Amino acid sequence: MAENKRALPHSLILEERNKLSLSGITDVGNFDEESIIVYCAQGEITIKGEKLQINVLDVNTGLFEAEGKINSLQYSDRKLKNPGFFSRVFK
């Protein structure tokens, strides 16, 4: 049975370039200490920096938090084609 998910509202808070809080996140793609790729209803967000680590990821509520030195945030219209590992595990 297909589940109808409505798009979660998306917002972004960046504190002192060290703590990033996002809402409306549907999945996380690749990540390492220098980049994290997350997805929301509007598309892909690429976070680049140094010593990045994911502190919170809850795809049910759409909450995501990361820490480290954040150098850039880039939005793309690229949409997630297949649900990733995290969205399947954290349902």
C-alpha atoms as a PDB file:
ATOM      1  CA  MET A   1       0.000   0.000   0.000  1.00  0.00           C
ATOM      2  CA  ALA A   2       1.507   3.321  -1.066  1.00  0.00           C
ATOM      3  CA  GLU A   3       1.908   5.913   1.638  1.00  0.00           C
ATOM      4  CA  ASN A   4       1.035   9.530   0.878  1.00  0.00           C
ATOM      5  CA  LYS A   5       3.721  11.708   2.422  1.00  0.00           C
ATOM      6  CA  ARG A   6       3.192  15.418   2.352  1.00  0.00           C
ATOM      7  CA  ALA A   7       6.214  17.640   1.925  1.00  0.00           C
ATOM      8  CA  LEU A   8       7.666  18.820   5.214  1.00  0.00           C
ATOM      9  CA  PRO A   9       8.366  22.562   5.497  1.00  0.00           C
ATOM     10  CA  HIS A  10      12.045  23.308   4.962  1.00  0.00           C
ATOM     11  CA  SER A  11      14.134  25.735   7.012  1.00  0.00           C
ATOM     12  CA  LEU A  12      17.810  26.271   7.714  1.00  0.00           C
ATOM     13  CA  ILE A  13      19.636  27.715  10.740  1.00  0.00           C
ATOM     14  CA  LEU A  14      23.405  28.175  10.690  1.00  0.00           C
ATOM     15  CA  GLU A  15      25.013  29.174  13.985  1.00  0.00           C
ATOM     16  CA  GLU A  16      28.540  30.649  13.922  1.00  0.00           C
ATOM     17  CA  ARG A  17      29.372  28.482  10.865  1.00  0.00           C
ATOM     18  CA  ASN A  18      29.744  25.548  13.281  1.00  0.00           C
ATOM     19  CA  LYS A  19      26.244  24.170  13.845  1.00  0.00           C
ATOM     20  CA  LEU A  20      23.706  23.589  11.082  1.00  0.00           C
ATOM     21  CA  SER A  21      20.063  22.717  11.760  1.00  0.00           C
ATOM     22  CA  LEU A  22      17.759  21.778   8.888  1.00  0.00           C
ATOM     23  CA  SER A  23      14.100  20.825   8.846  1.00  0.00           C
ATOM     24  CA  GLY A  24      12.161  19.170   6.048  1.00  0.00           C
ATOM     25  CA  ILE A  25      14.909  16.639   5.287  1.00  0.00           C
ATOM     26  CA  THR A  26      13.722  13.425   3.638  1.00  0.00           C
ATOM     27  CA  ASP A  27      17.031  11.554   3.269  1.00  0.00           C
ATOM     28  CA  VAL A  28      20.810  11.738   3.523  1.00  0.00           C
ATOM     29  CA  GLY A  29      23.006  10.694   0.613  1.00  0.00           C
ATOM     30  CA  ASN A  30      26.767  10.408   0.785  1.00  0.00           C
ATOM     31  CA  PHE A  31      28.649  11.939   3.674  1.00  0.00           C
ATOM     32  CA  ASP A  32      32.152  12.200   5.049  1.00  0.00           C
ATOM     33  CA  GLU A  33      34.148  14.757   7.063  1.00  0.00           C
ATOM     34  CA  GLU A  34      34.283  17.178   4.113  1.00  0.00           C
ATOM     35  CA  SER A  35      30.789  16.961   2.587  1.00  0.00           C
ATOM     36  CA  ILE A  36      27.241  15.868   3.369  1.00  0.00           C
ATOM     37  CA  ILE A  37      24.431  15.532   0.830  1.00  0.00           C
ATOM     38  CA  VAL A  38      20.863  15.768   2.124  1.00  0.00           C
ATOM     39  CA  TYR A  39      17.517  15.843   0.332  1.00  0.00           C
ATOM     40  CA  CYS A  40      14.354  17.834   0.930  1.00  0.00           C
ATOM     41  CA  ALA A  41      11.195  18.350  -1.147  1.00  0.00           C
ATOM     42  CA  GLN A  42      12.906  21.201  -3.034  1.00  0.00           C
ATOM     43  CA  GLY A  43      15.886  19.062  -4.060  1.00  0.00           C
ATOM     44  CA  GLU A  44      19.436  18.319  -3.010  1.00  0.00           C
ATOM     45  CA  ILE A  45      21.517  20.307  -0.510  1.00  0.00           C
ATOM     46  CA  THR A  46      25.299  19.875  -0.482  1.00  0.00           C
ATOM     47  CA  ILE A  47      27.091  20.930   2.690  1.00  0.00           C
ATOM     48  CA  LYS A  48      30.859  21.366   2.423  1.00  0.00           C
ATOM     49  CA  GLY A  49      33.289  21.963   5.239  1.00  0.00           C
ATOM     50  CA  GLU A  50      35.831  20.434   7.561  1.00  0.00           C
ATOM     51  CA  LYS A  51      35.418  17.820  10.311  1.00  0.00           C
ATOM     52  CA  LEU A  52      31.682  17.537   9.586  1.00  0.00           C
ATOM     53  CA  GLN A  53      29.637  15.120  11.651  1.00  0.00           C
ATOM     54  CA  ILE A  54      25.928  14.334  11.728  1.00  0.00           C
ATOM     55  CA  ASN A  55      24.447  14.711  15.221  1.00  0.00           C
ATOM     56  CA  VAL A  56      20.714  14.331  14.527  1.00  0.00           C
ATOM     57  CA  LEU A  57      18.892  12.607  11.690  1.00  0.00           C
ATOM     58  CA  ASP A  58      15.177  11.872  11.970  1.00  0.00           C
ATOM     59  CA  VAL A  59      13.533  11.390   8.572  1.00  0.00           C
ATOM     60  CA  ASN A  60      10.096  10.971  10.202  1.00  0.00           C
ATOM     61  CA  THR A  61      10.138  14.540  11.540  1.00  0.00           C
ATOM     62  CA  GLY A  62      12.589  15.839   8.909  1.00  0.00           C
ATOM     63  CA  LEU A  63      15.110  17.086  11.469  1.00  0.00           C
ATOM     64  CA  PHE A  64      18.826  17.105  10.703  1.00  0.00           C
ATOM     65  CA  GLU A  65      21.751  18.629  12.622  1.00  0.00           C
ATOM     66  CA  ALA A  66      25.440  18.655  11.810  1.00  0.00           C
ATOM     67  CA  GLU A  67      28.517  20.220  13.354  1.00  0.00           C
ATOM     68  CA  GLY A  68      31.947  21.151  12.051  1.00  0.00           C
ATOM     69  CA  LYS A  69      33.375  24.074  10.120  1.00  0.00           C
ATOM     70  CA  ILE A  70      30.796  24.817   7.427  1.00  0.00           C
ATOM     71  CA  ASN A  71      32.295  26.452   4.342  1.00  0.00           C
ATOM     72  CA  SER A  72      29.374  26.311   1.909  1.00  0.00           C
ATOM     73  CA  LEU A  73      25.781  25.249   1.332  1.00  0.00           C
ATOM     74  CA  GLN A  74      24.597  24.605  -2.208  1.00  0.00           C
ATOM     75  CA  TYR A  75      21.061  23.886  -3.353  1.00  0.00           C
ATOM     76  CA  SER A  76      20.330  21.879  -6.484  1.00  0.00           C
ATOM     77  CA  ASP A  77      17.064  20.928  -8.181  1.00  0.00           C
ATOM     78  CA  ARG A  78      18.308  17.342  -8.323  1.00  0.00           C
ATOM     79  CA  LYS A  79      15.696  15.103  -6.665  1.00  0.00           C
ATOM     80  CA  LEU A  80      16.236  11.832  -4.856  1.00  0.00           C
ATOM     81  CA  LYS A  81      15.315   9.004  -7.246  1.00  0.00           C
ATOM     82  CA  ASN A  82      15.440   6.029  -4.901  1.00  0.00           C
ATOM     83  CA  PRO A  83      15.126   6.154  -1.121  1.00  0.00           C
ATOM     84  CA  GLY A  84      18.533   5.870   0.476  1.00  0.00           C
ATOM     85  CA  PHE A  85      19.744   3.640   3.251  1.00  0.00           C
ATOM     86  CA  PHE A  86      18.880   6.088   6.040  1.00  0.00           C
ATOM     87  CA  SER A  87      15.293   6.697   4.960  1.00  0.00           C
ATOM     88  CA  ARG A  88      14.709   2.940   4.893  1.00  0.00           C
ATOM     89  CA  VAL A  89      16.357   2.334   8.278  1.00  0.00           C
ATOM     90  CA  PHE A  90      14.867   5.309  10.145  1.00  0.00           C
ATOM     91  CA  LYS A  91      11.223   4.973   9.004  1.00  0.00           C
END
